[in-house]
Structure formats: C-alpha cells, structure tokens
Amino acid sequence: MKKKFVLSHPQHVILGLIEIAVGLILIFNDYYYFWPPQVAWVLNDDLCGGLGVVFGVMTIRWALKDSNSIRVNRNLLFFSAFFWCFEATAEFIHASVKPNAYMLTAGVAELGLFLFTLSIIDKSKKHNY
C-alpha cells in the first residue's frame, strides 16, 4: 500500500514558495526600486531578496518537519509579516510617485499576502500547552 503524504501546514508552504519567488525577482532585478533615490541602492541590494529566499526556504522546511518549534514558527511568521508589509509599502510609495499599474497591482497583492500571514499567525499555536 502506498504511503499517503500528509501536509500538516499547507499555508506555510504556500507562503514560503511565494517568498522565494519574490525574493528571486528582487535578486535578479537590480533596478526594480527607484524612489527615494537616496536609498534605492539599499532597496535594490540582493540582501532584501536574499532574505526573502532564505526565510521562504526556512518556512517550508519548518512546515515539512515532524517536530515543529512554536518559537521558530513565531519568528518566521513575524519576519514574513514584516517582509510583506515592507514590500507593500515600497510598492505603494513607488506607485504614488510614478503611477504604474504593475506597482499598484504588486502592492495590492503584497498587502493581501501580509493579511494572509496575519491570518496564519492568528491560527498558529502561541504556547506549548
């Protein structure tokens, strides 16, 4: 008989995959952010995208493990919420400076991912009891 693969945290896997995808977009596009010009080099640095990839992989790894730490989950979800809030804010600021449909669309999508992350935080265990 085949062993059925049961995924106990599918929302975490979805969130991790999207973080990896957005992180890779930010890594490979060095001219994505353009405003404010004084900090565009920081926003376009590969560190921002790299953090998304690293924490996306860590979130998926946490979801696939048998023994999951509540503390690690809390920290990963906190970073994910911060990442999506930061990305949505940056997209909306860029859309207000130079109105582009794709910036506004990405901002709305990332705001949705921020709210999705908050719903995962709300449904996750907070304590060991």
N, C-alpha and C. Protein backbone atom coordinates (compact mmCIF):
# COMPACT_ATOMS: atom_id res chain seq x y z
N MET A 1 0.84 -1.18 0.00
CA MET A 1 0.00 0.00 0.00
C MET A 1 0.89 1.24 0.00
N LYS A 2 0.49 2.22 -0.79
CA LYS A 2 1.25 3.47 -0.85
C LYS A 2 1.06 4.27 0.43
N LYS A 3 2.14 4.92 0.83
CA LYS A 3 2.03 5.81 1.98
C LYS A 3 1.59 7.17 1.49
N LYS A 4 0.54 7.70 2.10
CA LYS A 4 -0.01 8.98 1.67
C LYS A 4 0.77 10.11 2.33
N PHE A 5 1.16 11.09 1.52
CA PHE A 5 1.90 12.24 2.03
C PHE A 5 0.91 13.25 2.59
N VAL A 6 1.01 13.51 3.88
CA VAL A 6 0.10 14.44 4.54
C VAL A 6 0.87 15.69 4.88
N LEU A 7 0.36 16.81 4.43
CA LEU A 7 0.98 18.10 4.71
C LEU A 7 0.17 18.78 5.80
N SER A 8 0.78 18.95 6.98
CA SER A 8 0.03 19.50 8.11
C SER A 8 0.02 21.02 8.15
N HIS A 9 0.87 21.68 7.38
CA HIS A 9 0.92 23.15 7.37
C HIS A 9 0.98 23.67 5.93
N PRO A 10 -0.09 23.50 5.16
CA PRO A 10 -0.04 23.91 3.75
C PRO A 10 0.09 25.42 3.56
N GLN A 11 -0.47 26.21 4.50
CA GLN A 11 -0.36 27.67 4.35
C GLN A 11 1.09 28.12 4.47
N HIS A 12 1.85 27.47 5.34
CA HIS A 12 3.26 27.82 5.49
C HIS A 12 4.03 27.52 4.21
N VAL A 13 3.71 26.40 3.56
CA VAL A 13 4.39 26.04 2.32
C VAL A 13 4.06 27.05 1.22
N ILE A 14 2.80 27.43 1.11
CA ILE A 14 2.40 28.44 0.12
C ILE A 14 3.12 29.75 0.38
N LEU A 15 3.13 30.19 1.63
CA LEU A 15 3.79 31.44 1.99
C LEU A 15 5.28 31.37 1.67
N GLY A 16 5.92 30.26 1.99
CA GLY A 16 7.35 30.10 1.71
C GLY A 16 7.66 30.12 0.23
N LEU A 17 6.83 29.46 -0.58
CA LEU A 17 7.06 29.45 -2.03
C LEU A 17 6.93 30.85 -2.63
N ILE A 18 5.95 31.61 -2.16
CA ILE A 18 5.78 32.97 -2.68
C ILE A 18 6.93 33.86 -2.22
N GLU A 19 7.39 33.68 -0.98
CA GLU A 19 8.55 34.45 -0.51
C GLU A 19 9.79 34.16 -1.36
N ILE A 20 9.99 32.89 -1.69
CA ILE A 20 11.13 32.52 -2.53
C ILE A 20 11.00 33.18 -3.91
N ALA A 21 9.81 33.13 -4.50
CA ALA A 21 9.60 33.71 -5.84
C ALA A 21 9.86 35.21 -5.84
N VAL A 22 9.30 35.93 -4.87
CA VAL A 22 9.51 37.38 -4.80
C VAL A 22 10.97 37.69 -4.49
N GLY A 23 11.58 36.90 -3.62
CA GLY A 23 13.00 37.10 -3.32
C GLY A 23 13.87 36.93 -4.55
N LEU A 24 13.58 35.93 -5.37
CA LEU A 24 14.36 35.74 -6.60
C LEU A 24 14.15 36.88 -7.59
N ILE A 25 12.92 37.39 -7.66
CA ILE A 25 12.67 38.56 -8.52
C ILE A 25 13.51 39.74 -8.06
N LEU A 26 13.58 39.96 -6.75
CA LEU A 26 14.35 41.09 -6.22
C LEU A 26 15.85 40.87 -6.40
N ILE A 27 16.31 39.63 -6.33
CA ILE A 27 17.73 39.35 -6.53
C ILE A 27 18.15 39.62 -7.97
N PHE A 28 17.34 39.17 -8.93
CA PHE A 28 17.73 39.25 -10.34
C PHE A 28 17.41 40.59 -10.99
N ASN A 29 16.62 41.44 -10.34
CA ASN A 29 16.29 42.74 -10.91
C ASN A 29 16.94 43.82 -10.05
N ASP A 30 18.06 44.36 -10.51
CA ASP A 30 18.81 45.34 -9.72
C ASP A 30 18.30 46.76 -9.87
N TYR A 31 17.29 46.98 -10.69
CA TYR A 31 16.75 48.33 -10.88
C TYR A 31 15.24 48.36 -10.66
N TYR A 32 14.76 47.51 -9.77
CA TYR A 32 13.31 47.43 -9.53
C TYR A 32 12.81 48.67 -8.81
N TYR A 33 13.47 49.03 -7.71
CA TYR A 33 13.05 50.20 -6.94
C TYR A 33 13.85 51.42 -7.39
N PHE A 34 13.17 52.56 -7.52
CA PHE A 34 13.83 53.77 -7.99
C PHE A 34 13.59 54.98 -7.09
N TRP A 35 12.72 54.86 -6.10
CA TRP A 35 12.42 56.01 -5.25
C TRP A 35 12.37 55.57 -3.80
N PRO A 36 12.84 56.32 -2.86
CA PRO A 36 13.59 57.57 -2.98
C PRO A 36 14.99 57.30 -3.52
N PRO A 37 15.51 58.19 -4.33
CA PRO A 37 16.80 57.94 -4.98
C PRO A 37 17.96 57.75 -4.01
N GLN A 38 17.85 58.32 -2.81
CA GLN A 38 18.94 58.21 -1.84
C GLN A 38 19.10 56.79 -1.30
N VAL A 39 18.02 56.04 -1.24
CA VAL A 39 18.09 54.69 -0.68
C VAL A 39 17.74 53.60 -1.71
N ALA A 40 17.67 53.95 -2.97
CA ALA A 40 17.35 52.95 -3.99
C ALA A 40 18.39 51.85 -4.03
N TRP A 41 19.65 52.19 -3.76
CA TRP A 41 20.71 51.17 -3.77
C TRP A 41 20.51 50.16 -2.64
N VAL A 42 19.93 50.60 -1.52
CA VAL A 42 19.67 49.67 -0.41
C VAL A 42 18.50 48.76 -0.77
N LEU A 43 17.44 49.34 -1.32
CA LEU A 43 16.27 48.55 -1.69
C LEU A 43 16.58 47.55 -2.80
N ASN A 44 17.47 47.92 -3.71
CA ASN A 44 17.82 47.04 -4.83
C ASN A 44 18.97 46.09 -4.51
N ASP A 45 19.46 46.13 -3.29
CA ASP A 45 20.54 45.24 -2.89
C ASP A 45 20.02 43.80 -2.87
N ASP A 46 20.88 42.87 -3.18
CA ASP A 46 20.49 41.46 -3.19
C ASP A 46 20.15 40.94 -1.80
N LEU A 47 20.50 41.67 -0.76
CA LEU A 47 20.20 41.25 0.60
C LEU A 47 18.69 41.17 0.84
N CYS A 48 17.93 42.15 0.33
CA CYS A 48 16.47 42.14 0.52
C CYS A 48 15.86 40.87 -0.10
N GLY A 49 16.20 40.59 -1.34
CA GLY A 49 15.70 39.39 -1.98
C GLY A 49 16.25 38.12 -1.37
N GLY A 50 17.53 38.17 -0.98
CA GLY A 50 18.15 37.00 -0.35
C GLY A 50 17.48 36.62 0.95
N LEU A 51 17.09 37.63 1.73
CA LEU A 51 16.38 37.35 2.98
C LEU A 51 15.03 36.69 2.70
N GLY A 52 14.36 37.15 1.64
CA GLY A 52 13.10 36.52 1.27
C GLY A 52 13.28 35.06 0.89
N VAL A 53 14.33 34.77 0.13
CA VAL A 53 14.61 33.38 -0.28
C VAL A 53 14.96 32.53 0.94
N VAL A 54 15.85 33.03 1.78
CA VAL A 54 16.30 32.25 2.95
C VAL A 54 15.13 31.97 3.89
N PHE A 55 14.35 32.98 4.21
CA PHE A 55 13.25 32.77 5.13
C PHE A 55 12.11 31.98 4.49
N GLY A 56 11.94 32.07 3.17
CA GLY A 56 10.97 31.22 2.49
C GLY A 56 11.35 29.75 2.58
N VAL A 57 12.63 29.46 2.36
CA VAL A 57 13.12 28.08 2.49
C VAL A 57 12.97 27.59 3.93
N MET A 58 13.30 28.46 4.89
CA MET A 58 13.17 28.07 6.30
C MET A 58 11.71 27.82 6.68
N THR A 59 10.79 28.60 6.13
CA THR A 59 9.37 28.41 6.42
C THR A 59 8.88 27.07 5.85
N ILE A 60 9.29 26.75 4.64
CA ILE A 60 8.91 25.47 4.04
C ILE A 60 9.53 24.32 4.84
N ARG A 61 10.78 24.47 5.20
CA ARG A 61 11.46 23.42 5.99
C ARG A 61 10.74 23.20 7.31
N TRP A 62 10.33 24.29 7.97
CA TRP A 62 9.61 24.17 9.23
C TRP A 62 8.29 23.42 9.02
N ALA A 63 7.59 23.73 7.92
CA ALA A 63 6.29 23.10 7.67
C ALA A 63 6.42 21.61 7.37
N LEU A 64 7.54 21.19 6.80
CA LEU A 64 7.71 19.79 6.43
C LEU A 64 8.31 18.94 7.54
N LYS A 65 8.83 19.58 8.60
CA LYS A 65 9.43 18.82 9.70
C LYS A 65 8.36 18.15 10.54
N ASP A 66 8.75 17.05 11.20
CA ASP A 66 7.82 16.35 12.08
C ASP A 66 7.69 17.04 13.43
N SER A 67 8.80 17.49 13.98
CA SER A 67 8.77 18.17 15.28
C SER A 67 8.98 19.66 15.05
N ASN A 68 7.93 20.42 15.25
CA ASN A 68 7.96 21.85 14.95
C ASN A 68 8.04 22.67 16.23
N SER A 69 8.91 23.64 16.23
CA SER A 69 9.06 24.54 17.37
C SER A 69 8.11 25.72 17.21
N ILE A 70 7.34 25.99 18.25
CA ILE A 70 6.42 27.13 18.23
C ILE A 70 7.20 28.43 18.16
N ARG A 71 8.31 28.50 18.84
CA ARG A 71 9.13 29.71 18.85
C ARG A 71 9.67 30.01 17.44
N VAL A 72 10.17 28.99 16.76
CA VAL A 72 10.68 29.18 15.40
C VAL A 72 9.55 29.62 14.47
N ASN A 73 8.38 29.00 14.60
CA ASN A 73 7.23 29.38 13.79
C ASN A 73 6.87 30.84 14.02
N ARG A 74 6.84 31.25 15.27
CA ARG A 74 6.50 32.64 15.60
C ARG A 74 7.50 33.60 14.97
N ASN A 75 8.78 33.28 15.05
CA ASN A 75 9.81 34.15 14.48
C ASN A 75 9.74 34.20 12.95
N LEU A 76 9.53 33.05 12.32
CA LEU A 76 9.42 33.02 10.86
C LEU A 76 8.20 33.80 10.37
N LEU A 77 7.08 33.65 11.07
CA LEU A 77 5.88 34.38 10.67
C LEU A 77 6.02 35.87 10.94
N PHE A 78 6.73 36.24 12.00
CA PHE A 78 6.99 37.66 12.26
C PHE A 78 7.81 38.25 11.11
N PHE A 79 8.86 37.54 10.69
CA PHE A 79 9.65 38.04 9.57
C PHE A 79 8.81 38.13 8.30
N SER A 80 7.99 37.12 8.05
CA SER A 80 7.16 37.13 6.84
C SER A 80 6.21 38.33 6.85
N ALA A 81 5.60 38.61 7.99
CA ALA A 81 4.70 39.76 8.09
C ALA A 81 5.47 41.06 7.83
N PHE A 82 6.66 41.17 8.41
CA PHE A 82 7.48 42.36 8.19
C PHE A 82 7.87 42.48 6.72
N PHE A 83 8.29 41.37 6.11
CA PHE A 83 8.70 41.37 4.70
C PHE A 83 7.57 41.83 3.80
N TRP A 84 6.36 41.28 3.98
CA TRP A 84 5.25 41.65 3.11
C TRP A 84 4.77 43.08 3.38
N CYS A 85 4.81 43.51 4.63
CA CYS A 85 4.42 44.89 4.93
C CYS A 85 5.42 45.87 4.30
N PHE A 86 6.71 45.56 4.40
CA PHE A 86 7.74 46.39 3.79
C PHE A 86 7.58 46.44 2.28
N GLU A 87 7.38 45.29 1.67
CA GLU A 87 7.23 45.23 0.21
C GLU A 87 5.98 45.98 -0.25
N ALA A 88 4.86 45.81 0.44
CA ALA A 88 3.63 46.51 0.06
C ALA A 88 3.80 48.01 0.20
N THR A 89 4.43 48.45 1.29
CA THR A 89 4.67 49.88 1.49
C THR A 89 5.55 50.45 0.39
N ALA A 90 6.62 49.74 0.06
CA ALA A 90 7.52 50.20 -1.01
C ALA A 90 6.79 50.28 -2.35
N GLU A 91 5.97 49.29 -2.64
CA GLU A 91 5.22 49.30 -3.91
C GLU A 91 4.23 50.46 -3.96
N PHE A 92 3.51 50.71 -2.86
CA PHE A 92 2.54 51.80 -2.85
C PHE A 92 3.23 53.16 -2.94
N ILE A 93 4.37 53.32 -2.28
CA ILE A 93 5.11 54.58 -2.37
C ILE A 93 5.58 54.80 -3.81
N HIS A 94 6.09 53.76 -4.44
CA HIS A 94 6.52 53.88 -5.84
C HIS A 94 5.33 54.20 -6.75
N ALA A 95 4.19 53.59 -6.49
CA ALA A 95 3.00 53.84 -7.31
C ALA A 95 2.49 55.26 -7.12
N SER A 96 2.71 55.84 -5.94
CA SER A 96 2.25 57.22 -5.72
C SER A 96 3.19 58.23 -6.38
N VAL A 97 4.49 57.90 -6.48
CA VAL A 97 5.45 58.80 -7.11
C VAL A 97 5.34 58.74 -8.63
N LYS A 98 5.35 57.54 -9.16
CA LYS A 98 5.24 57.34 -10.61
C LYS A 98 4.19 56.25 -10.84
N PRO A 99 2.96 56.67 -11.09
CA PRO A 99 1.87 55.69 -11.19
C PRO A 99 2.10 54.65 -12.29
N ASN A 100 2.31 53.44 -11.86
CA ASN A 100 2.43 52.29 -12.76
C ASN A 100 1.41 51.25 -12.31
N ALA A 101 0.73 50.67 -13.27
CA ALA A 101 -0.28 49.67 -12.92
C ALA A 101 0.35 48.45 -12.24
N TYR A 102 1.55 48.06 -12.69
CA TYR A 102 2.16 46.87 -12.10
C TYR A 102 2.63 47.11 -10.67
N MET A 103 3.06 48.34 -10.35
CA MET A 103 3.45 48.65 -8.97
C MET A 103 2.23 48.62 -8.05
N LEU A 104 1.13 49.19 -8.52
CA LEU A 104 -0.09 49.20 -7.72
C LEU A 104 -0.63 47.79 -7.55
N THR A 105 -0.59 47.00 -8.62
CA THR A 105 -1.05 45.62 -8.55
C THR A 105 -0.19 44.80 -7.59
N ALA A 106 1.12 44.98 -7.68
CA ALA A 106 2.02 44.26 -6.77
C ALA A 106 1.80 44.70 -5.33
N GLY A 107 1.55 45.98 -5.11
CA GLY A 107 1.28 46.47 -3.76
C GLY A 107 0.02 45.85 -3.17
N VAL A 108 -1.03 45.77 -3.98
CA VAL A 108 -2.27 45.15 -3.51
C VAL A 108 -2.05 43.66 -3.23
N ALA A 109 -1.32 42.98 -4.11
CA ALA A 109 -1.05 41.55 -3.89
C ALA A 109 -0.22 41.34 -2.63
N GLU A 110 0.77 42.19 -2.40
CA GLU A 110 1.61 42.03 -1.21
C GLU A 110 0.87 42.42 0.05
N LEU A 111 -0.08 43.35 -0.05
CA LEU A 111 -0.94 43.65 1.10
C LEU A 111 -1.80 42.44 1.42
N GLY A 112 -2.30 41.76 0.38
CA GLY A 112 -3.05 40.52 0.59
C GLY A 112 -2.20 39.44 1.24
N LEU A 113 -0.94 39.34 0.83
CA LEU A 113 -0.04 38.36 1.44
C LEU A 113 0.27 38.73 2.89
N PHE A 114 0.36 40.02 3.18
CA PHE A 114 0.54 40.47 4.57
C PHE A 114 -0.66 40.04 5.42
N LEU A 115 -1.87 40.25 4.90
CA LEU A 115 -3.06 39.84 5.64
C LEU A 115 -3.15 38.31 5.76
N PHE A 116 -2.73 37.59 4.72
CA PHE A 116 -2.68 36.13 4.77
C PHE A 116 -1.72 35.66 5.87
N THR A 117 -0.57 36.33 5.98
CA THR A 117 0.40 36.00 7.02
C THR A 117 -0.19 36.27 8.40
N LEU A 118 -0.90 37.39 8.55
CA LEU A 118 -1.53 37.68 9.84
C LEU A 118 -2.59 36.64 10.19
N SER A 119 -3.30 36.12 9.19
CA SER A 119 -4.29 35.07 9.48
C SER A 119 -3.61 33.78 9.91
N ILE A 120 -2.44 33.48 9.32
CA ILE A 120 -1.69 32.29 9.75
C ILE A 120 -1.21 32.48 11.18
N ILE A 121 -0.73 33.69 11.50
CA ILE A 121 -0.28 33.97 12.87
C ILE A 121 -1.44 33.79 13.84
N ASP A 122 -2.63 34.25 13.46
CA ASP A 122 -3.79 34.15 14.34
C ASP A 122 -4.17 32.69 14.59
N LYS A 123 -4.02 31.83 13.59
CA LYS A 123 -4.42 30.43 13.72
C LYS A 123 -3.32 29.54 14.30
N SER A 124 -2.09 30.05 14.40
CA SER A 124 -0.98 29.23 14.88
C SER A 124 -1.00 29.14 16.40
N LYS A 125 -0.40 28.04 16.90
CA LYS A 125 -0.27 27.88 18.35
C LYS A 125 0.68 28.94 18.89
N LYS A 126 0.32 29.48 20.04
CA LYS A 126 1.14 30.53 20.64
C LYS A 126 2.00 30.02 21.80
N HIS A 127 1.56 28.91 22.42
CA HIS A 127 2.25 28.37 23.59
C HIS A 127 2.38 26.86 23.45
N ASN A 128 3.15 26.28 24.33
CA ASN A 128 3.39 24.83 24.29
C ASN A 128 2.30 24.02 24.97
N TYR A 129 1.33 24.64 25.56
CA TYR A 129 0.29 23.88 26.25
C TYR A 129 -0.96 23.77 25.43
